[in-house]
C-alpha atoms as a PDB file:
ATOM      1  CA  MET A   1      24.161  27.087  24.942  1.00  0.00           C
ATOM      2  CA  ALA A   2      22.596  30.073  23.219  1.00  0.00           C
ATOM      3  CA  SER A   3      21.855  27.972  20.142  1.00  0.00           C
ATOM      4  CA  SER A   4      19.916  25.401  22.174  1.00  0.00           C
ATOM      5  CA  SER A   5      17.765  28.115  23.787  1.00  0.00           C
ATOM      6  CA  SER A   6      17.072  29.695  20.391  1.00  0.00           C
ATOM      7  CA  TYR A   7      16.147  26.240  19.092  1.00  0.00           C
ATOM      8  CA  SER A   8      13.662  25.704  21.921  1.00  0.00           C
ATOM      9  CA  ASN A   9      12.150  29.137  21.192  1.00  0.00           C
ATOM     10  CA  SER A  10      11.743  28.219  17.545  1.00  0.00           C
ATOM     11  CA  PRO A  11       8.057  28.184  16.622  1.00  0.00           C
ATOM     12  CA  CYS A  12       6.436  24.917  15.672  1.00  0.00           C
ATOM     13  CA  ALA A  13       5.650  24.314  12.011  1.00  0.00           C
ATOM     14  CA  ALA A  14       2.002  25.267  12.569  1.00  0.00           C
ATOM     15  CA  CYS A  15       2.726  28.610  14.221  1.00  0.00           C
ATOM     16  CA  LYS A  16       5.404  29.392  11.679  1.00  0.00           C
ATOM     17  CA  PHE A  17       2.976  28.620   8.852  1.00  0.00           C
ATOM     18  CA  LEU A  18       0.198  30.653  10.481  1.00  0.00           C
ATOM     19  CA  ARG A  19       2.686  33.458  11.295  1.00  0.00           C
ATOM     20  CA  ARG A  20       1.838  33.637  14.950  1.00  0.00           C
ATOM     21  CA  LYS A  21       3.781  33.382  18.182  1.00  0.00           C
ATOM     22  CA  CYS A  22       4.204  29.827  19.421  1.00  0.00           C
ATOM     23  CA  LEU A  23       3.190  29.793  23.084  1.00  0.00           C
ATOM     24  CA  ALA A  24       4.343  27.267  25.672  1.00  0.00           C
ATOM     25  CA  ASP A  25       0.921  25.574  25.674  1.00  0.00           C
ATOM     26  CA  CYS A  26       0.599  25.432  21.869  1.00  0.00           C
ATOM     27  CA  ILE A  27      -1.574  22.428  20.960  1.00  0.00           C
ATOM     28  CA  PHE A  28       0.299  21.952  17.658  1.00  0.00           C
ATOM     29  CA  ALA A  29       3.906  22.105  18.952  1.00  0.00           C
ATOM     30  CA  PRO A  30       4.299  18.473  20.081  1.00  0.00           C
ATOM     31  CA  TYR A  31       2.968  17.112  16.783  1.00  0.00           C
ATOM     32  CA  PHE A  32       4.219  19.568  14.150  1.00  0.00           C
ATOM     33  CA  PRO A  33       7.930  20.155  14.808  1.00  0.00           C
ATOM     34  CA  PRO A  34       9.704  22.989  12.988  1.00  0.00           C
ATOM     35  CA  GLU A  35      11.632  20.444  10.879  1.00  0.00           C
ATOM     36  CA  GLU A  36       8.422  19.204   9.216  1.00  0.00           C
ATOM     37  CA  PRO A  37       6.750  22.282   7.692  1.00  0.00           C
ATOM     38  CA  THR A  38       5.051  20.396   4.840  1.00  0.00           C
ATOM     39  CA  LYS A  39       3.298  18.093   7.307  1.00  0.00           C
ATOM     40  CA  PHE A  40       1.321  20.977   8.762  1.00  0.00           C
ATOM     41  CA  ALA A  41       0.940  22.764   5.425  1.00  0.00           C
ATOM     42  CA  ASN A  42      -0.792  19.708   3.926  1.00  0.00           C
ATOM     43  CA  VAL A  43      -2.987  19.154   7.002  1.00  0.00           C
ATOM     44  CA  HIS A  44      -3.936  22.830   7.042  1.00  0.00           C
ATOM     45  CA  LYS A  45      -4.786  22.871   3.345  1.00  0.00           C
ATOM     46  CA  ILE A  46      -7.094  19.856   3.618  1.00  0.00           C
ATOM     47  CA  PHE A  47      -8.613  20.221   7.104  1.00  0.00           C
ATOM     48  CA  GLY A  48      -7.888  23.777   8.268  1.00  0.00           C
ATOM     49  CA  ALA A  49      -6.022  24.835  11.412  1.00  0.00           C
ATOM     50  CA  SER A  50      -9.219  25.544  13.356  1.00  0.00           C
ATOM     51  CA  ASN A  51     -10.643  22.065  12.713  1.00  0.00           C
ATOM     52  CA  VAL A  52      -7.357  20.381  13.620  1.00  0.00           C
ATOM     53  CA  SER A  53      -7.142  22.426  16.820  1.00  0.00           C
ATOM     54  CA  LYS A  54     -10.716  21.470  17.785  1.00  0.00           C
ATOM     55  CA  LEU A  55     -10.023  17.824  17.052  1.00  0.00           C
ATOM     56  CA  LEU A  56      -6.850  17.793  19.153  1.00  0.00           C
ATOM     57  CA  HIS A  57      -8.683  19.391  22.081  1.00  0.00           C
ATOM     58  CA  GLU A  58     -11.460  16.772  21.871  1.00  0.00           C
ATOM     59  CA  VAL A  59      -9.118  13.761  21.658  1.00  0.00           C
ATOM     60  CA  HIS A  60      -7.474  12.267  24.746  1.00  0.00           C
ATOM     61  CA  PRO A  61      -3.836  13.373  25.057  1.00  0.00           C
ATOM     62  CA  HIS A  62      -2.519   9.817  24.600  1.00  0.00           C
ATOM     63  CA  GLN A  63      -4.423   9.569  21.285  1.00  0.00           C
ATOM     64  CA  ARG A  64      -3.334  12.884  19.799  1.00  0.00           C
ATOM     65  CA  GLU A  65      -0.156  11.663  18.117  1.00  0.00           C
ATOM     66  CA  ASP A  66      -2.071   8.903  16.320  1.00  0.00           C
ATOM     67  CA  ALA A  67      -4.765  11.405  15.320  1.00  0.00           C
ATOM     68  CA  VAL A  68      -2.186  13.809  13.878  1.00  0.00           C
ATOM     69  CA  ASN A  69      -0.431  10.982  12.025  1.00  0.00           C
ATOM     70  CA  SER A  70      -3.766   9.900  10.544  1.00  0.00           C
ATOM     71  CA  LEU A  71      -4.599  13.459   9.519  1.00  0.00           C
ATOM     72  CA  ALA A  72      -1.155  13.898   7.963  1.00  0.00           C
ATOM     73  CA  TYR A  73      -1.476  10.611   6.051  1.00  0.00           C
ATOM     74  CA  GLU A  74      -4.944  11.476   4.769  1.00  0.00           C
ATOM     75  CA  ALA A  75      -3.868  15.016   3.859  1.00  0.00           C
ATOM     76  CA  GLU A  76      -0.893  13.711   1.878  1.00  0.00           C
ATOM     77  CA  ALA A  77      -3.118  11.162   0.131  1.00  0.00           C
ATOM     78  CA  ARG A  78      -5.663  13.906  -0.686  1.00  0.00           C
ATOM     79  CA  MET A  79      -2.884  16.045  -2.145  1.00  0.00           C
ATOM     80  CA  LYS A  80      -1.938  13.167  -4.470  1.00  0.00           C
ATOM     81  CA  ASP A  81      -5.495  12.072  -5.244  1.00  0.00           C
ATOM     82  CA  PRO A  82      -8.077  14.783  -4.416  1.00  0.00           C
ATOM     83  CA  VAL A  83     -11.056  12.565  -5.197  1.00  0.00           C
ATOM     84  CA  TYR A  84     -10.312   9.293  -3.389  1.00  0.00           C
ATOM     85  CA  GLY A  85      -7.491  10.163  -0.989  1.00  0.00           C
ATOM     86  CA  CYS A  86      -6.278   7.233   1.080  1.00  0.00           C
ATOM     87  CA  VAL A  87      -9.322   5.185   0.061  1.00  0.00           C
ATOM     88  CA  GLY A  88      -7.900   5.109  -3.465  1.00  0.00           C
ATOM     89  CA  ALA A  89      -4.545   3.889  -2.158  1.00  0.00           C
ATOM     90  CA  ILE A  90      -6.270   1.237  -0.043  1.00  0.00           C
ATOM     91  CA  SER A  91      -8.303   0.059  -3.054  1.00  0.00           C
ATOM     92  CA  ILE A  92      -5.176  -0.267  -5.177  1.00  0.00           C
ATOM     93  CA  LEU A  93      -3.467  -2.269  -2.436  1.00  0.00           C
ATOM     94  CA  GLN A  94      -6.520  -4.514  -1.970  1.00  0.00           C
ATOM     95  CA  ARG A  95      -6.629  -5.266  -5.712  1.00  0.00           C
ATOM     96  CA  GLN A  96      -2.913  -6.017  -5.624  1.00  0.00           C
ATOM     97  CA  VAL A  97      -3.378  -8.405  -2.685  1.00  0.00           C
ATOM     98  CA  ILE A  98      -6.206 -10.216  -4.525  1.00  0.00           C
ATOM     99  CA  ARG A  99      -4.098 -10.493  -7.707  1.00  0.00           C
ATOM    100  CA  LEU A 100      -1.099 -11.786  -5.767  1.00  0.00           C
ATOM    101  CA  GLN A 101      -3.283 -14.256  -3.850  1.00  0.00           C
ATOM    102  CA  LYS A 102      -4.594 -15.666  -7.142  1.00  0.00           C
ATOM    103  CA  GLU A 103      -1.038 -15.897  -8.453  1.00  0.00           C
ATOM    104  CA  LEU A 104       0.044 -17.677  -5.264  1.00  0.00           C
ATOM    105  CA  ASP A 105      -2.892 -20.105  -5.508  1.00  0.00           C
ATOM    106  CA  THR A 106      -2.016 -20.879  -9.131  1.00  0.00           C
ATOM    107  CA  THR A 107       1.640 -21.406  -8.259  1.00  0.00           C
ATOM    108  CA  ASN A 108       0.716 -23.664  -5.343  1.00  0.00           C
ATOM    109  CA  ALA A 109      -1.570 -25.699  -7.608  1.00  0.00           C
ATOM    110  CA  ASP A 110       1.258 -26.009 -10.148  1.00  0.00           C
ATOM    111  CA  LEU A 111       3.589 -27.188  -7.387  1.00  0.00           C
ATOM    112  CA  VAL A 112       1.082 -29.813  -6.268  1.00  0.00           C
ATOM    113  CA  ARG A 113       0.685 -31.061  -9.851  1.00  0.00           C
ATOM    114  CA  TYR A 114       4.440 -31.071 -10.343  1.00  0.00           C
ATOM    115  CA  ALA A 115       5.039 -32.946  -7.072  1.00  0.00           C
ATOM    116  CA  SER A 116       2.396 -35.540  -7.971  1.00  0.00           C
ATOM    117  CA  GLY A 117       4.107 -36.253 -11.297  1.00  0.00           C
ATOM    118  CA  GLY A 118       1.446 -34.768 -13.528  1.00  0.00           C
ATOM    119  CA  ALA A 119       3.183 -31.504 -14.191  1.00  0.00           C
ATOM    120  CA  ARG A 120       3.402 -29.578 -17.387  1.00  0.00           C
ATOM    121  CA  PRO A 121       6.350 -27.453 -16.360  1.00  0.00           C
ATOM    122  CA  TYR A 122       6.649 -25.602 -19.653  1.00  0.00           C
ATOM    123  CA  GLY A 123       3.129 -25.777 -21.035  1.00  0.00           C
ATOM    124  CA  ARG A 124       1.487 -28.239 -23.424  1.00  0.00           C
ATOM    125  CA  ARG A 125       3.221 -27.098 -26.595  1.00  0.00           C
ATOM    126  CA  ALA A 126       6.699 -27.211 -25.046  1.00  0.00           C
ATOM    127  CA  ALA A 127       5.998 -30.579 -23.450  1.00  0.00           C
ATOM    128  CA  ALA A 128       4.706 -32.043 -26.730  1.00  0.00           C
ATOM    129  CA  GLN A 129       7.676 -30.651 -28.665  1.00  0.00           C
ATOM    130  CA  SER A 130      10.031 -32.252 -26.187  1.00  0.00           C
ATOM    131  CA  GLY A 131       8.332 -35.608 -26.702  1.00  0.00           C
ATOM    132  CA  VAL A 132       6.334 -35.606 -23.493  1.00  0.00           C
ATOM    133  CA  CYS A 133       2.568 -35.603 -23.552  1.00  0.00           C
ATOM    134  CA  PHE A 134       0.994 -35.401 -20.104  1.00  0.00           C
ATOM    135  CA  ILE A 135      -2.586 -36.497 -19.552  1.00  0.00           C
ATOM    136  CA  SER A 136      -4.236 -34.911 -16.572  1.00  0.00           C
ATOM    137  CA  PRO A 137      -6.451 -37.159 -14.449  1.00  0.00           C
ATOM    138  CA  LEU A 138      -8.737 -34.143 -14.026  1.00  0.00           C
ATOM    139  CA  ASN A 139      -9.540 -33.833 -17.704  1.00  0.00           C
ATOM    140  CA  SER A 140      -9.903 -36.872 -19.944  1.00  0.00           C
ATOM    141  CA  ASN A 141     -10.111 -34.559 -22.964  1.00  0.00           C
ATOM    142  CA  ASP A 142      -6.339 -34.141 -22.774  1.00  0.00           C
ATOM    143  CA  ARG A 143      -6.097 -37.102 -25.178  1.00  0.00           C
ATOM    144  CA  HIS A 144      -7.639 -34.813 -27.737  1.00  0.00           C
ATOM    145  CA  ASP A 145      -5.166 -32.043 -27.045  1.00  0.00           C
ATOM    146  CA  PRO A 146      -3.916 -30.902 -30.477  1.00  0.00           C
ATOM    147  CA  TYR A 147      -0.336 -30.748 -29.252  1.00  0.00           C
ATOM    148  CA  CYS A 148      -0.439 -34.335 -28.007  1.00  0.00           C
ATOM    149  CA  ARG A 149      -2.399 -35.526 -31.053  1.00  0.00           C
ATOM    150  CA  ASP A 150       0.185 -33.982 -33.401  1.00  0.00           C
ATOM    151  CA  LYS A 151       2.961 -35.716 -31.458  1.00  0.00           C
ATOM    152  CA  GLU A 152       1.105 -39.063 -31.530  1.00  0.00           C
ATOM    153  CA  GLU A 153       0.569 -38.795 -35.278  1.00  0.00           C
ATOM    154  CA  GLN A 154       4.294 -38.239 -35.796  1.00  0.00           C
ATOM    155  CA  ASN A 155       5.095 -41.487 -33.934  1.00  0.00           C
END
């Protein structure tokens, strides 16, 4: 039982970092447990303990956990990328989503062409080498495709 009482008297990560006594009404204690010292260290380095304390006092109690999680996420992102922070991570993810959406659109278009019988499953050169020369209804210039023309000249 003595170990549980010493655990409850253990200062929160913020008070431990700031080397002060953790009081019962410590604003940091519920959000910076002693097991997560780097969480507070990062937040402190980027925002400062005074600013975080002011922010937590101004935010409604039911919103404080979300506010601390946001601060911790932004602080960690700023540690990794001091210039852009989480905005840089968001930009990278947005570009990735756009690239993947284009890839998905291309794949869906290929599937539609394949399902309609006008597919070039392995590309023009591979199709021509295998003896198949597809002509797309979308482009009448396919008759002048060098791969198909070479195949036609061989026949």
